[in-house]
Amino acid sequence: MYKSSNLTLFYKYLFGPVWFGIFATGIITTWNTEDQFSHDWSRAAALMAGWGLFWLIFLMIRLRNVVATESHLIINSFNGQKAINYKDIDYISQIAMIRPDLISIKYHDVRTAESKKILVMPSTSSHGFSLKFLEEHEMTKYIRQQIMKQNSSYSTELEPSRWITTGLIFLTGIPVMIYSSITLMHLLDK
């Protein structure tokens, strides 16, 4: 049996606001200063913080607290528990190069007849500081194995690439980083 990290609720509800609050405090204190360096730095930092917060919110909205048993996946929430049969899971994929590890699961909700996507942050010990960014977590392997036991037609070939989310984060960050770099280099030349 595998389960979500004990830090799932912290990442889902507290990490984003705390992270944003720290950056917002620095940005607000330097936004309207007469010092050109602080003024331009705060705009570049605001753009970078906004970009980071967008992705953080996007990922954390889908984050769920789950337990993977031998027979099904249990999603725990404030509304109670929901059991998902492994045969109802369309795919599982672990996002590459993201720490803490995030497992993406798309499943068919039998009650609502909708497809839903969730993210799971598996429980880890010292794995969070590991430099093995390309290896899948044991929970990912376990859930995939359980899916294949219950659904003989499941194919790993149909799983989305682990690099899609990482690539999108990188691509959307390029303009932000270029603008911030140009702004900061311009300031250092003065």
N, C-alpha and C. Protein backbone atom coordinates (compact mmCIF):
# COMPACT_ATOMS: atom_id res chain seq x y z
N MET A 1 0.85 -1.18 0.00
CA MET A 1 0.00 0.00 0.00
C MET A 1 0.89 1.24 0.00
N TYR A 2 0.54 2.17 -0.84
CA TYR A 2 1.25 3.45 -0.94
C TYR A 2 0.27 4.58 -0.67
N LYS A 3 0.80 5.69 -0.18
CA LYS A 3 -0.09 6.83 0.08
C LYS A 3 0.62 8.14 -0.23
N SER A 4 -0.19 9.19 -0.27
CA SER A 4 0.34 10.53 -0.52
C SER A 4 1.23 10.98 0.63
N SER A 5 2.05 11.95 0.32
CA SER A 5 2.93 12.53 1.33
C SER A 5 2.11 13.23 2.42
N ASN A 6 2.64 13.24 3.63
CA ASN A 6 2.00 13.98 4.73
C ASN A 6 1.99 15.48 4.45
N LEU A 7 2.83 15.93 3.54
CA LEU A 7 2.90 17.36 3.21
C LEU A 7 1.93 17.77 2.11
N THR A 8 1.08 16.87 1.65
CA THR A 8 0.15 17.19 0.57
C THR A 8 -0.73 18.38 0.91
N LEU A 9 -1.32 18.39 2.09
CA LEU A 9 -2.20 19.51 2.47
C LEU A 9 -1.41 20.82 2.58
N PHE A 10 -0.18 20.74 3.07
CA PHE A 10 0.66 21.94 3.14
C PHE A 10 0.90 22.50 1.74
N TYR A 11 1.29 21.64 0.81
CA TYR A 11 1.56 22.10 -0.56
C TYR A 11 0.28 22.60 -1.24
N LYS A 12 -0.82 21.95 -0.96
CA LYS A 12 -2.07 22.32 -1.64
C LYS A 12 -2.62 23.66 -1.13
N TYR A 13 -2.57 23.89 0.18
CA TYR A 13 -3.25 25.06 0.72
C TYR A 13 -2.35 26.15 1.29
N LEU A 14 -1.13 25.84 1.70
CA LEU A 14 -0.29 26.84 2.36
C LEU A 14 0.92 27.29 1.56
N PHE A 15 1.55 26.38 0.82
CA PHE A 15 2.79 26.70 0.16
C PHE A 15 2.64 27.87 -0.82
N GLY A 16 1.61 27.83 -1.67
CA GLY A 16 1.39 28.91 -2.65
C GLY A 16 1.19 30.27 -2.00
N PRO A 17 0.26 30.40 -1.05
CA PRO A 17 0.08 31.71 -0.42
C PRO A 17 1.32 32.21 0.33
N VAL A 18 2.03 31.31 1.01
CA VAL A 18 3.25 31.73 1.73
C VAL A 18 4.31 32.17 0.73
N TRP A 19 4.51 31.38 -0.32
CA TRP A 19 5.48 31.70 -1.36
C TRP A 19 5.15 33.04 -2.00
N PHE A 20 3.87 33.23 -2.36
CA PHE A 20 3.45 34.48 -2.98
C PHE A 20 3.61 35.65 -2.00
N GLY A 21 3.27 35.44 -0.74
CA GLY A 21 3.37 36.51 0.26
C GLY A 21 4.79 37.01 0.43
N ILE A 22 5.74 36.11 0.43
CA ILE A 22 7.15 36.51 0.57
C ILE A 22 7.58 37.36 -0.62
N PHE A 23 7.26 36.89 -1.84
CA PHE A 23 7.63 37.66 -3.02
C PHE A 23 6.86 38.97 -3.10
N ALA A 24 5.58 38.94 -2.77
CA ALA A 24 4.76 40.15 -2.84
C ALA A 24 5.27 41.22 -1.88
N THR A 25 5.71 40.82 -0.70
CA THR A 25 6.25 41.77 0.27
C THR A 25 7.47 42.49 -0.30
N GLY A 26 8.38 41.74 -0.89
CA GLY A 26 9.57 42.35 -1.50
C GLY A 26 9.23 43.24 -2.68
N ILE A 27 8.27 42.80 -3.49
CA ILE A 27 7.88 43.58 -4.67
C ILE A 27 7.19 44.87 -4.26
N ILE A 28 6.26 44.79 -3.31
CA ILE A 28 5.51 45.97 -2.87
C ILE A 28 6.44 47.01 -2.24
N THR A 29 7.40 46.56 -1.46
CA THR A 29 8.29 47.51 -0.78
C THR A 29 9.22 48.23 -1.75
N THR A 30 9.45 47.68 -2.93
CA THR A 30 10.36 48.32 -3.88
C THR A 30 9.66 48.85 -5.12
N TRP A 31 8.37 48.69 -5.24
CA TRP A 31 7.64 49.04 -6.47
C TRP A 31 7.70 50.53 -6.78
N ASN A 32 7.42 51.38 -5.82
CA ASN A 32 7.32 52.82 -6.07
C ASN A 32 8.50 53.61 -5.50
N THR A 33 9.66 53.02 -5.51
CA THR A 33 10.83 53.74 -5.01
C THR A 33 11.42 54.61 -6.11
N GLU A 34 12.17 55.62 -5.71
CA GLU A 34 12.82 56.49 -6.68
C GLU A 34 14.13 55.88 -7.19
N ASP A 35 14.62 54.90 -6.49
CA ASP A 35 15.83 54.19 -6.89
C ASP A 35 15.50 53.35 -8.13
N GLN A 36 16.16 53.61 -9.25
CA GLN A 36 15.86 52.95 -10.51
C GLN A 36 16.09 51.43 -10.44
N PHE A 37 17.14 51.03 -9.73
CA PHE A 37 17.43 49.60 -9.61
C PHE A 37 16.28 48.88 -8.91
N SER A 38 15.84 49.39 -7.77
CA SER A 38 14.74 48.76 -7.02
C SER A 38 13.45 48.78 -7.83
N HIS A 39 13.22 49.87 -8.53
CA HIS A 39 12.01 50.02 -9.34
C HIS A 39 11.98 48.95 -10.45
N ASP A 40 13.06 48.83 -11.22
CA ASP A 40 13.10 47.85 -12.30
C ASP A 40 13.19 46.42 -11.79
N TRP A 41 13.92 46.22 -10.69
CA TRP A 41 14.01 44.89 -10.11
C TRP A 41 12.63 44.40 -9.68
N SER A 42 11.83 45.28 -9.08
CA SER A 42 10.52 44.85 -8.58
C SER A 42 9.61 44.45 -9.73
N ARG A 43 9.71 45.10 -10.87
CA ARG A 43 8.88 44.72 -12.02
C ARG A 43 9.32 43.37 -12.61
N ALA A 44 10.61 43.16 -12.69
CA ALA A 44 11.11 41.87 -13.18
C ALA A 44 10.75 40.76 -12.20
N ALA A 45 10.89 41.02 -10.91
CA ALA A 45 10.54 40.01 -9.90
C ALA A 45 9.04 39.72 -9.91
N ALA A 46 8.23 40.76 -10.13
CA ALA A 46 6.77 40.56 -10.18
C ALA A 46 6.40 39.66 -11.35
N LEU A 47 7.05 39.85 -12.49
CA LEU A 47 6.77 39.01 -13.65
C LEU A 47 7.18 37.57 -13.38
N MET A 48 8.36 37.37 -12.80
CA MET A 48 8.81 36.02 -12.49
C MET A 48 7.93 35.35 -11.43
N ALA A 49 7.55 36.11 -10.40
CA ALA A 49 6.68 35.55 -9.35
C ALA A 49 5.31 35.22 -9.91
N GLY A 50 4.80 36.05 -10.79
CA GLY A 50 3.50 35.78 -11.42
C GLY A 50 3.53 34.52 -12.26
N TRP A 51 4.60 34.35 -13.03
CA TRP A 51 4.76 33.15 -13.84
C TRP A 51 4.85 31.91 -12.95
N GLY A 52 5.66 31.98 -11.90
CA GLY A 52 5.79 30.85 -10.98
C GLY A 52 4.49 30.54 -10.26
N LEU A 53 3.78 31.58 -9.85
CA LEU A 53 2.52 31.39 -9.13
C LEU A 53 1.46 30.78 -10.04
N PHE A 54 1.44 31.17 -11.32
CA PHE A 54 0.49 30.59 -12.27
C PHE A 54 0.66 29.07 -12.32
N TRP A 55 1.90 28.60 -12.47
CA TRP A 55 2.15 27.17 -12.56
C TRP A 55 1.91 26.48 -11.23
N LEU A 56 2.26 27.14 -10.15
CA LEU A 56 2.05 26.57 -8.82
C LEU A 56 0.55 26.36 -8.56
N ILE A 57 -0.26 27.35 -8.87
CA ILE A 57 -1.71 27.24 -8.68
C ILE A 57 -2.28 26.15 -9.59
N PHE A 58 -1.84 26.15 -10.85
CA PHE A 58 -2.33 25.15 -11.81
C PHE A 58 -2.06 23.73 -11.31
N LEU A 59 -0.86 23.50 -10.79
CA LEU A 59 -0.52 22.17 -10.31
C LEU A 59 -1.21 21.84 -8.98
N MET A 60 -1.31 22.81 -8.09
CA MET A 60 -1.87 22.53 -6.77
C MET A 60 -3.39 22.35 -6.77
N ILE A 61 -4.08 22.92 -7.75
CA ILE A 61 -5.53 22.72 -7.86
C ILE A 61 -5.84 21.23 -8.05
N ARG A 62 -5.00 20.54 -8.78
CA ARG A 62 -5.22 19.12 -9.06
C ARG A 62 -4.65 18.19 -8.01
N LEU A 63 -3.90 18.70 -7.06
CA LEU A 63 -3.26 17.86 -6.06
C LEU A 63 -4.29 17.21 -5.14
N ARG A 64 -4.17 15.92 -4.94
CA ARG A 64 -5.09 15.16 -4.10
C ARG A 64 -4.32 14.27 -3.13
N ASN A 65 -4.98 13.94 -2.05
CA ASN A 65 -4.45 13.02 -1.05
C ASN A 65 -5.03 11.64 -1.34
N VAL A 66 -4.17 10.68 -1.70
CA VAL A 66 -4.67 9.36 -2.09
C VAL A 66 -3.95 8.25 -1.33
N VAL A 67 -4.62 7.10 -1.34
CA VAL A 67 -4.04 5.87 -0.82
C VAL A 67 -4.23 4.83 -1.93
N ALA A 68 -3.13 4.18 -2.31
CA ALA A 68 -3.20 3.15 -3.34
C ALA A 68 -3.18 1.78 -2.66
N THR A 69 -4.33 1.12 -2.66
CA THR A 69 -4.42 -0.22 -2.08
C THR A 69 -4.28 -1.24 -3.21
N GLU A 70 -4.36 -2.49 -2.86
CA GLU A 70 -4.23 -3.53 -3.87
C GLU A 70 -5.45 -3.57 -4.81
N SER A 71 -6.61 -3.19 -4.30
CA SER A 71 -7.82 -3.31 -5.11
C SER A 71 -8.26 -2.01 -5.78
N HIS A 72 -7.94 -0.86 -5.21
CA HIS A 72 -8.37 0.41 -5.80
C HIS A 72 -7.59 1.60 -5.25
N LEU A 73 -7.83 2.75 -5.86
CA LEU A 73 -7.22 4.00 -5.44
C LEU A 73 -8.27 4.77 -4.63
N ILE A 74 -7.90 5.21 -3.44
CA ILE A 74 -8.84 5.94 -2.59
C ILE A 74 -8.41 7.40 -2.57
N ILE A 75 -9.32 8.30 -2.98
CA ILE A 75 -9.07 9.73 -2.94
C ILE A 75 -9.74 10.29 -1.69
N ASN A 76 -8.94 10.85 -0.80
CA ASN A 76 -9.46 11.45 0.43
C ASN A 76 -9.61 12.95 0.25
N SER A 77 -10.74 13.48 0.72
CA SER A 77 -10.97 14.92 0.67
C SER A 77 -11.80 15.31 1.88
N PHE A 78 -12.07 16.60 2.00
CA PHE A 78 -12.89 17.07 3.11
C PHE A 78 -14.33 16.55 2.99
N ASN A 79 -14.73 16.17 1.78
CA ASN A 79 -16.08 15.64 1.54
C ASN A 79 -16.19 14.14 1.80
N GLY A 80 -15.09 13.51 2.13
CA GLY A 80 -15.09 12.07 2.37
C GLY A 80 -14.11 11.36 1.47
N GLN A 81 -14.39 10.09 1.21
CA GLN A 81 -13.51 9.27 0.39
C GLN A 81 -14.22 8.84 -0.88
N LYS A 82 -13.41 8.68 -1.93
CA LYS A 82 -13.93 8.17 -3.18
C LYS A 82 -12.99 7.07 -3.64
N ALA A 83 -13.55 5.90 -3.93
CA ALA A 83 -12.74 4.77 -4.39
C ALA A 83 -12.79 4.70 -5.92
N ILE A 84 -11.62 4.61 -6.53
CA ILE A 84 -11.51 4.51 -7.98
C ILE A 84 -10.92 3.14 -8.30
N ASN A 85 -11.64 2.37 -9.08
CA ASN A 85 -11.11 1.08 -9.52
C ASN A 85 -9.97 1.32 -10.49
N TYR A 86 -8.95 0.50 -10.41
CA TYR A 86 -7.80 0.66 -11.30
C TYR A 86 -8.19 0.50 -12.76
N LYS A 87 -9.21 -0.28 -13.04
CA LYS A 87 -9.64 -0.46 -14.43
C LYS A 87 -10.24 0.83 -15.01
N ASP A 88 -10.64 1.77 -14.14
CA ASP A 88 -11.21 3.04 -14.60
C ASP A 88 -10.17 4.13 -14.80
N ILE A 89 -8.90 3.81 -14.59
CA ILE A 89 -7.83 4.78 -14.80
C ILE A 89 -7.38 4.73 -16.25
N ASP A 90 -7.44 5.90 -16.92
CA ASP A 90 -7.05 5.99 -18.33
C ASP A 90 -5.54 5.96 -18.49
N TYR A 91 -4.84 6.70 -17.62
CA TYR A 91 -3.38 6.67 -17.68
C TYR A 91 -2.78 7.15 -16.37
N ILE A 92 -1.51 6.83 -16.20
CA ILE A 92 -0.70 7.33 -15.09
C ILE A 92 0.63 7.78 -15.69
N SER A 93 1.13 8.90 -15.22
CA SER A 93 2.40 9.42 -15.71
C SER A 93 3.02 10.28 -14.62
N GLN A 94 4.31 10.16 -14.44
CA GLN A 94 4.99 10.99 -13.44
C GLN A 94 5.70 12.13 -14.17
N ILE A 95 5.46 13.35 -13.73
CA ILE A 95 6.06 14.52 -14.36
C ILE A 95 7.57 14.48 -14.15
N ALA A 96 8.32 14.65 -15.23
CA ALA A 96 9.78 14.58 -15.17
C ALA A 96 10.39 15.85 -14.60
N MET A 97 11.46 15.67 -13.85
CA MET A 97 12.31 16.75 -13.34
C MET A 97 11.59 17.73 -12.41
N ILE A 98 10.55 17.29 -11.74
CA ILE A 98 9.83 18.13 -10.78
C ILE A 98 10.05 17.54 -9.40
N ARG A 99 10.38 18.40 -8.45
CA ARG A 99 10.50 17.99 -7.06
C ARG A 99 9.62 18.88 -6.23
N PRO A 100 8.84 18.38 -5.32
CA PRO A 100 8.66 16.97 -5.02
C PRO A 100 8.00 16.25 -6.18
N ASP A 101 8.14 14.92 -6.20
CA ASP A 101 7.56 14.12 -7.28
C ASP A 101 6.07 14.38 -7.39
N LEU A 102 5.58 14.44 -8.63
CA LEU A 102 4.15 14.58 -8.88
C LEU A 102 3.73 13.52 -9.89
N ILE A 103 2.71 12.75 -9.52
CA ILE A 103 2.18 11.70 -10.38
C ILE A 103 0.85 12.20 -10.94
N SER A 104 0.73 12.16 -12.25
CA SER A 104 -0.50 12.58 -12.92
C SER A 104 -1.35 11.34 -13.23
N ILE A 105 -2.62 11.41 -12.84
CA ILE A 105 -3.54 10.30 -13.07
C ILE A 105 -4.81 10.84 -13.71
N LYS A 106 -5.21 10.22 -14.81
CA LYS A 106 -6.49 10.54 -15.44
C LYS A 106 -7.38 9.32 -15.29
N TYR A 107 -8.58 9.56 -14.75
CA TYR A 107 -9.49 8.43 -14.52
C TYR A 107 -10.90 8.80 -14.95
N HIS A 108 -11.70 7.77 -15.13
CA HIS A 108 -13.11 7.95 -15.49
C HIS A 108 -13.94 7.81 -14.21
N ASP A 109 -14.63 8.88 -13.85
CA ASP A 109 -15.49 8.87 -12.67
C ASP A 109 -16.83 8.23 -13.06
N VAL A 110 -17.09 7.05 -12.54
CA VAL A 110 -18.29 6.29 -12.91
C VAL A 110 -19.56 7.02 -12.48
N ARG A 111 -19.52 7.67 -11.32
CA ARG A 111 -20.73 8.36 -10.81
C ARG A 111 -21.14 9.54 -11.67
N THR A 112 -20.17 10.32 -12.16
CA THR A 112 -20.51 11.52 -12.94
C THR A 112 -20.30 11.31 -14.43
N ALA A 113 -19.74 10.19 -14.83
CA ALA A 113 -19.44 9.87 -16.24
C ALA A 113 -18.51 10.90 -16.87
N GLU A 114 -17.60 11.45 -16.06
CA GLU A 114 -16.63 12.42 -16.55
C GLU A 114 -15.21 11.87 -16.40
N SER A 115 -14.33 12.38 -17.23
CA SER A 115 -12.91 12.08 -17.05
C SER A 115 -12.31 13.17 -16.19
N LYS A 116 -11.50 12.79 -15.22
CA LYS A 116 -10.89 13.75 -14.31
C LYS A 116 -9.40 13.49 -14.22
N LYS A 117 -8.65 14.58 -14.00
CA LYS A 117 -7.21 14.48 -13.82
C LYS A 117 -6.86 14.95 -12.42
N ILE A 118 -5.98 14.20 -11.79
CA ILE A 118 -5.49 14.57 -10.47
C ILE A 118 -3.97 14.45 -10.44
N LEU A 119 -3.38 15.10 -9.45
CA LEU A 119 -1.95 14.95 -9.19
C LEU A 119 -1.79 14.36 -7.80
N VAL A 120 -0.79 13.53 -7.65
CA VAL A 120 -0.49 12.90 -6.37
C VAL A 120 0.97 13.17 -6.05
N MET A 121 1.22 13.60 -4.82
CA MET A 121 2.59 13.77 -4.34
C MET A 121 2.86 12.59 -3.42
N PRO A 122 3.62 11.59 -3.91
CA PRO A 122 3.82 10.38 -3.11
C PRO A 122 4.63 10.63 -1.85
N SER A 123 4.41 9.78 -0.88
CA SER A 123 5.16 9.83 0.36
C SER A 123 6.62 9.47 0.08
N THR A 124 7.51 10.24 0.66
CA THR A 124 8.93 9.99 0.45
C THR A 124 9.67 10.14 1.76
N SER A 125 10.86 9.59 1.80
CA SER A 125 11.73 9.82 2.97
C SER A 125 12.76 10.84 2.54
N SER A 126 13.90 10.42 2.11
CA SER A 126 14.92 11.36 1.64
C SER A 126 14.89 11.47 0.13
N HIS A 127 13.89 10.86 -0.50
CA HIS A 127 13.79 10.87 -1.96
C HIS A 127 13.61 12.29 -2.51
N GLY A 128 13.06 13.20 -1.70
CA GLY A 128 12.80 14.56 -2.16
C GLY A 128 14.07 15.31 -2.52
N PHE A 129 15.20 14.94 -1.94
CA PHE A 129 16.45 15.62 -2.22
C PHE A 129 17.34 14.81 -3.15
N SER A 130 16.79 13.76 -3.71
CA SER A 130 17.54 12.90 -4.62
C SER A 130 17.79 13.62 -5.94
N LEU A 131 18.89 13.32 -6.56
CA LEU A 131 19.20 13.90 -7.87
C LEU A 131 18.75 13.00 -9.01
N LYS A 132 17.94 12.02 -8.71
CA LYS A 132 17.44 11.08 -9.72
C LYS A 132 16.13 11.62 -10.29
N PHE A 133 16.24 12.68 -11.09
CA PHE A 133 15.07 13.36 -11.63
C PHE A 133 14.32 12.54 -12.68
N LEU A 134 14.97 11.58 -13.26
CA LEU A 134 14.36 10.85 -14.36
C LEU A 134 13.74 9.52 -13.95
N GLU A 135 14.03 9.07 -12.74
CA GLU A 135 13.48 7.80 -12.27
C GLU A 135 12.06 7.99 -11.75
N GLU A 136 11.23 6.98 -12.02
CA GLU A 136 9.88 7.02 -11.50
C GLU A 136 9.86 6.58 -10.04
N HIS A 137 8.94 7.15 -9.31
CA HIS A 137 8.74 6.81 -7.91
C HIS A 137 8.13 5.41 -7.82
N GLU A 138 8.37 4.74 -6.73
CA GLU A 138 7.82 3.38 -6.51
C GLU A 138 6.29 3.39 -6.55
N MET A 139 5.67 4.46 -6.09
CA MET A 139 4.20 4.54 -6.10
C MET A 139 3.68 4.55 -7.54
N THR A 140 4.36 5.24 -8.43
CA THR A 140 3.98 5.26 -9.85
C THR A 140 4.03 3.85 -10.42
N LYS A 141 5.10 3.17 -10.15
CA LYS A 141 5.26 1.80 -10.66
C LYS A 141 4.20 0.87 -10.08
N TYR A 142 3.89 1.03 -8.80
CA TYR A 142 2.90 0.18 -8.14
C TYR A 142 1.50 0.40 -8.75
N ILE A 143 1.10 1.66 -8.89
CA ILE A 143 -0.23 1.95 -9.44
C ILE A 143 -0.33 1.43 -10.88
N ARG A 144 0.72 1.65 -11.68
CA ARG A 144 0.71 1.15 -13.06
C ARG A 144 0.56 -0.38 -13.07
N GLN A 145 1.25 -1.05 -12.18
CA GLN A 145 1.16 -2.51 -12.09
C GLN A 145 -0.27 -2.94 -11.74
N GLN A 146 -0.91 -2.23 -10.81
CA GLN A 146 -2.28 -2.57 -10.41
C GLN A 146 -3.26 -2.29 -11.57
N ILE A 147 -3.02 -1.22 -12.32
CA ILE A 147 -3.87 -0.92 -13.48
C ILE A 147 -3.77 -2.06 -14.49
N MET A 148 -2.56 -2.51 -14.76
CA MET A 148 -2.36 -3.57 -15.75
C MET A 148 -2.97 -4.90 -15.30
N LYS A 149 -3.02 -5.13 -13.99
CA LYS A 149 -3.66 -6.35 -13.49
C LYS A 149 -5.16 -6.32 -13.74
N GLN A 150 -5.79 -5.15 -13.56
CA GLN A 150 -7.24 -5.05 -13.70
C GLN A 150 -7.70 -4.71 -15.12
N ASN A 151 -6.79 -4.17 -15.92
CA ASN A 151 -7.17 -3.77 -17.28
C ASN A 151 -6.12 -4.31 -18.25
N SER A 152 -6.40 -5.46 -18.84
CA SER A 152 -5.43 -6.11 -19.71
C SER A 152 -5.15 -5.33 -20.99
N SER A 153 -6.05 -4.41 -21.36
CA SER A 153 -5.84 -3.63 -22.58
C SER A 153 -5.05 -2.34 -22.34
N TYR A 154 -4.68 -2.09 -21.08
CA TYR A 154 -3.90 -0.88 -20.78
C TYR A 154 -2.52 -0.97 -21.42
N SER A 155 -2.11 0.13 -22.05
CA SER A 155 -0.81 0.15 -22.70
C SER A 155 -0.01 1.37 -22.24
N THR A 156 1.22 1.14 -21.86
CA THR A 156 2.09 2.24 -21.45
C THR A 156 2.41 3.15 -22.64
N GLU A 157 2.22 2.65 -23.85
CA GLU A 157 2.45 3.46 -25.05
C GLU A 157 1.46 4.61 -25.15
N LEU A 158 0.31 4.46 -24.53
CA LEU A 158 -0.72 5.51 -24.60
C LEU A 158 -0.59 6.55 -23.48
N GLU A 159 0.37 6.35 -22.59
CA GLU A 159 0.61 7.33 -21.53
C GLU A 159 1.21 8.59 -22.13
N PRO A 160 0.80 9.76 -21.66
CA PRO A 160 1.39 10.99 -22.19
C PRO A 160 2.86 11.09 -21.78
N SER A 161 3.59 11.85 -22.54
CA SER A 161 5.01 12.03 -22.24
C SER A 161 5.20 12.67 -20.87
N ARG A 162 6.19 12.21 -20.15
CA ARG A 162 6.51 12.77 -18.84
C ARG A 162 7.04 14.19 -18.97
N TRP A 163 7.43 14.57 -20.18
CA TRP A 163 8.09 15.85 -20.41
C TRP A 163 7.14 16.97 -20.82
N ILE A 164 5.86 16.70 -21.02
CA ILE A 164 4.93 17.74 -21.50
C ILE A 164 4.84 18.89 -20.51
N THR A 165 4.55 18.62 -19.26
CA THR A 165 4.40 19.68 -18.26
C THR A 165 5.72 20.42 -18.06
N THR A 166 6.81 19.67 -17.94
CA THR A 166 8.13 20.29 -17.77
C THR A 166 8.45 21.18 -18.96
N GLY A 167 8.17 20.71 -20.16
CA GLY A 167 8.41 21.49 -21.38
C GLY A 167 7.58 22.76 -21.42
N LEU A 168 6.31 22.65 -21.05
CA LEU A 168 5.44 23.84 -21.04
C LEU A 168 5.91 24.87 -20.01
N ILE A 169 6.32 24.40 -18.84
CA ILE A 169 6.84 25.31 -17.83
C ILE A 169 8.08 26.02 -18.36
N PHE A 170 8.97 25.27 -18.98
CA PHE A 170 10.19 25.85 -19.53
C PHE A 170 9.88 26.84 -20.66
N LEU A 171 9.02 26.44 -21.61
CA LEU A 171 8.71 27.31 -22.75
C LEU A 171 8.03 28.61 -22.32
N THR A 172 7.09 28.52 -21.38
CA THR A 172 6.43 29.76 -20.92
C THR A 172 7.37 30.61 -20.09
N GLY A 173 8.41 30.00 -19.53
CA GLY A 173 9.36 30.76 -18.73
C GLY A 173 10.42 31.47 -19.54
N ILE A 174 10.63 31.06 -20.78
CA ILE A 174 11.67 31.69 -21.60
C ILE A 174 11.45 33.20 -21.76
N PRO A 175 10.26 33.66 -22.18
CA PRO A 175 10.08 35.12 -22.32
C PRO A 175 10.25 35.85 -20.98
N VAL A 176 9.80 35.24 -19.90
CA VAL A 176 9.92 35.85 -18.58
C VAL A 176 11.39 35.99 -18.20
N MET A 177 12.16 34.93 -18.41
CA MET A 177 13.58 34.96 -18.07
C MET A 177 14.35 35.94 -18.96
N ILE A 178 14.01 35.99 -20.25
CA ILE A 178 14.69 36.91 -21.16
C ILE A 178 14.42 38.35 -20.73
N TYR A 179 13.15 38.67 -20.49
CA TYR A 179 12.81 40.04 -20.07
C TYR A 179 13.52 40.39 -18.76
N SER A 180 13.48 39.49 -17.80
CA SER A 180 14.11 39.74 -16.50
C SER A 180 15.62 39.89 -16.65
N SER A 181 16.23 39.06 -17.47
CA SER A 181 17.68 39.13 -17.68
C SER A 181 18.08 40.44 -18.35
N ILE A 182 17.33 40.83 -19.37
CA ILE A 182 17.62 42.09 -20.06
C ILE A 182 17.47 43.27 -19.11
N THR A 183 16.41 43.26 -18.31
CA THR A 183 16.18 44.33 -17.35
C THR A 183 17.31 44.42 -16.34
N LEU A 184 17.69 43.28 -15.78
CA LEU A 184 18.75 43.28 -14.77
C LEU A 184 20.12 43.60 -15.37
N MET A 185 20.40 43.13 -16.60
CA MET A 185 21.67 43.47 -17.24
C MET A 185 21.73 44.96 -17.55
N HIS A 186 20.61 45.53 -17.97
CA HIS A 186 20.53 46.97 -18.23
C HIS A 186 20.81 47.75 -16.95
N LEU A 187 20.29 47.29 -15.84
CA LEU A 187 20.51 47.96 -14.56
C LEU A 187 21.97 47.88 -14.13
N LEU A 188 22.59 46.74 -14.36
CA LEU A 188 23.98 46.56 -13.94
C LEU A 188 24.96 47.39 -14.80
N ASP A 189 24.54 47.72 -16.03
CA ASP A 189 25.37 48.53 -16.91
C ASP A 189 25.39 50.00 -16.51
N LYS A 190 24.41 50.40 -15.72
CA LYS A 190 24.33 51.82 -15.33
C LYS A 190 25.34 52.16 -14.29
